[in-house]
Amino acid sequence: MKSNKGKNLNIKFGLGAFFVFLFALITLFSIKGVVKVYRLRSEQQGLRKEIAGIKKSNRKISGQIYELTYNKQYIANIAREKLNMIKPGEIVFKFIGKNKNKKAYKK
């Protein structure tokens, strides 16, 4: 009878050790999985923000392309502002004085 009791004890101990090991593995991998899911979700959120910014930039550039293709006044305004061009017969006035970007301080 003692031998059966010893075998039962060994089987119970083996099953207990197996379940503890299995529980440890499940816990370890589930924690790593949770951390990985959290990291991937935050990365996904960052990518969504980046995509939204790129889409906004694309809309702006598409509008500029449309204006440059079909709007002659838009092209003329860009030539005046960025390239300092003038139409024949126009007079350009340059004002020397206070810079617009400087702030006025009141006492």
Protein backbone atom coordinates (compact mmCIF):
# COMPACT_ATOMS: atom_id res chain seq x y z
CA MET A 1 0.00 0.00 0.00
CA LYS A 2 2.86 2.33 0.66
CA SER A 3 4.06 2.11 -2.93
CA ASN A 4 0.68 3.24 -4.31
CA LYS A 5 0.66 6.16 -1.93
CA GLY A 6 4.16 7.15 -3.05
CA LYS A 7 3.20 6.88 -6.72
CA ASN A 8 0.07 8.99 -6.13
CA LEU A 9 2.16 11.59 -4.32
CA ASN A 10 4.70 11.68 -7.19
CA ILE A 11 1.88 12.00 -9.77
CA LYS A 12 0.22 14.80 -7.77
CA PHE A 13 3.54 16.57 -7.33
CA GLY A 14 4.32 16.20 -11.06
CA LEU A 15 0.88 17.48 -12.08
CA GLY A 16 1.15 20.35 -9.63
CA ALA A 17 4.60 21.30 -10.93
CA PHE A 18 3.32 21.04 -14.52
CA PHE A 19 0.36 23.34 -13.80
CA VAL A 20 2.56 25.86 -11.96
CA PHE A 21 4.96 25.85 -14.91
CA LEU A 22 2.06 26.19 -17.38
CA PHE A 23 0.56 29.05 -15.34
CA ALA A 24 3.95 30.80 -15.22
CA LEU A 25 4.32 30.50 -19.02
CA ILE A 26 0.81 31.78 -19.67
CA THR A 27 1.33 34.69 -17.28
CA LEU A 28 4.71 35.57 -18.75
CA PHE A 29 3.54 35.47 -22.35
CA SER A 30 0.28 37.28 -21.61
CA ILE A 31 2.16 40.13 -19.91
CA LYS A 32 4.54 40.37 -22.86
CA GLY A 33 1.52 40.24 -25.16
CA VAL A 34 -0.21 43.05 -23.30
CA VAL A 35 2.91 45.18 -23.42
CA LYS A 36 3.33 44.45 -27.13
CA VAL A 37 -0.32 45.30 -27.86
CA TYR A 38 -0.01 48.57 -25.92
CA ARG A 39 3.19 49.48 -27.79
CA LEU A 40 1.66 48.63 -31.16
CA ARG A 41 -1.48 50.65 -30.40
CA SER A 42 0.55 53.71 -29.46
CA GLU A 43 2.60 53.29 -32.64
CA GLN A 44 -0.62 52.96 -34.64
CA GLN A 45 -1.96 56.16 -33.08
CA GLY A 46 1.25 58.01 -34.01
CA LEU A 47 1.03 56.72 -37.57
CA ARG A 48 -2.60 57.83 -37.82
CA LYS A 49 -1.60 61.35 -36.76
CA GLU A 50 1.21 61.34 -39.31
CA ILE A 51 -1.18 60.16 -42.03
CA ALA A 52 -3.66 62.91 -41.13
CA GLY A 53 -0.88 65.51 -41.40
CA ILE A 54 0.24 64.15 -44.76
CA LYS A 55 -3.35 64.16 -46.07
CA LYS A 56 -3.74 67.79 -44.99
CA SER A 57 -0.48 68.67 -46.74
CA ASN A 58 -1.61 66.81 -49.87
CA ARG A 59 -4.88 68.78 -49.96
CA LYS A 60 -2.96 72.05 -49.65
CA ILE A 61 -0.53 71.08 -52.42
CA SER A 62 -3.40 69.90 -54.65
CA GLY A 63 -5.05 73.29 -54.19
CA GLN A 64 -1.82 75.04 -55.11
CA ILE A 65 -1.44 72.86 -58.22
CA TYR A 66 -5.00 73.69 -59.26
CA GLU A 67 -4.41 77.42 -58.75
CA LEU A 68 -1.11 77.32 -60.64
CA THR A 69 -2.79 75.46 -63.50
CA TYR A 70 -5.96 77.51 -63.90
CA ASN A 71 -5.61 80.87 -62.09
CA LYS A 72 -3.42 83.46 -63.82
CA GLN A 73 -3.96 86.02 -61.05
CA TYR A 74 -2.58 83.53 -58.49
CA ILE A 75 0.55 83.08 -60.62
CA ALA A 76 0.93 86.87 -60.92
CA ASN A 77 0.61 87.31 -57.15
CA ILE A 78 3.27 84.68 -56.50
CA ALA A 79 5.57 86.31 -59.05
CA ARG A 80 5.11 89.68 -57.32
CA GLU A 81 5.58 88.41 -53.76
CA LYS A 82 8.29 85.80 -54.12
CA LEU A 83 10.19 86.92 -57.19
CA ASN A 84 9.74 90.72 -56.80
CA MET A 85 8.46 91.01 -60.36
CA ILE A 86 6.37 93.91 -61.69
CA LYS A 87 4.21 94.51 -64.71
CA PRO A 88 5.46 96.88 -67.41
CA GLY A 89 4.64 100.48 -66.48
CA GLU A 90 4.14 99.79 -62.76
CA ILE A 91 5.93 101.84 -60.12
CA VAL A 92 7.23 100.11 -57.01
CA PHE A 93 7.37 101.97 -53.71
CA LYS A 94 9.73 100.74 -51.00
CA PHE A 95 9.21 102.08 -47.52
CA ILE A 96 12.20 102.41 -45.25
CA GLY A 97 11.46 102.63 -41.58
CA LYS A 98 10.19 100.58 -38.71
CA ASN A 99 10.17 96.85 -39.14
CA LYS A 100 6.67 95.35 -38.93
CA ASN A 101 7.94 92.42 -36.88
CA LYS A 102 9.25 94.58 -34.01
CA LYS A 103 6.93 94.97 -31.08
CA ALA A 104 6.11 98.38 -29.66
CA TYR A 105 6.50 98.66 -25.91
CA LYS A 106 4.25 100.98 -23.95
CA LYS A 107 5.28 102.48 -20.64
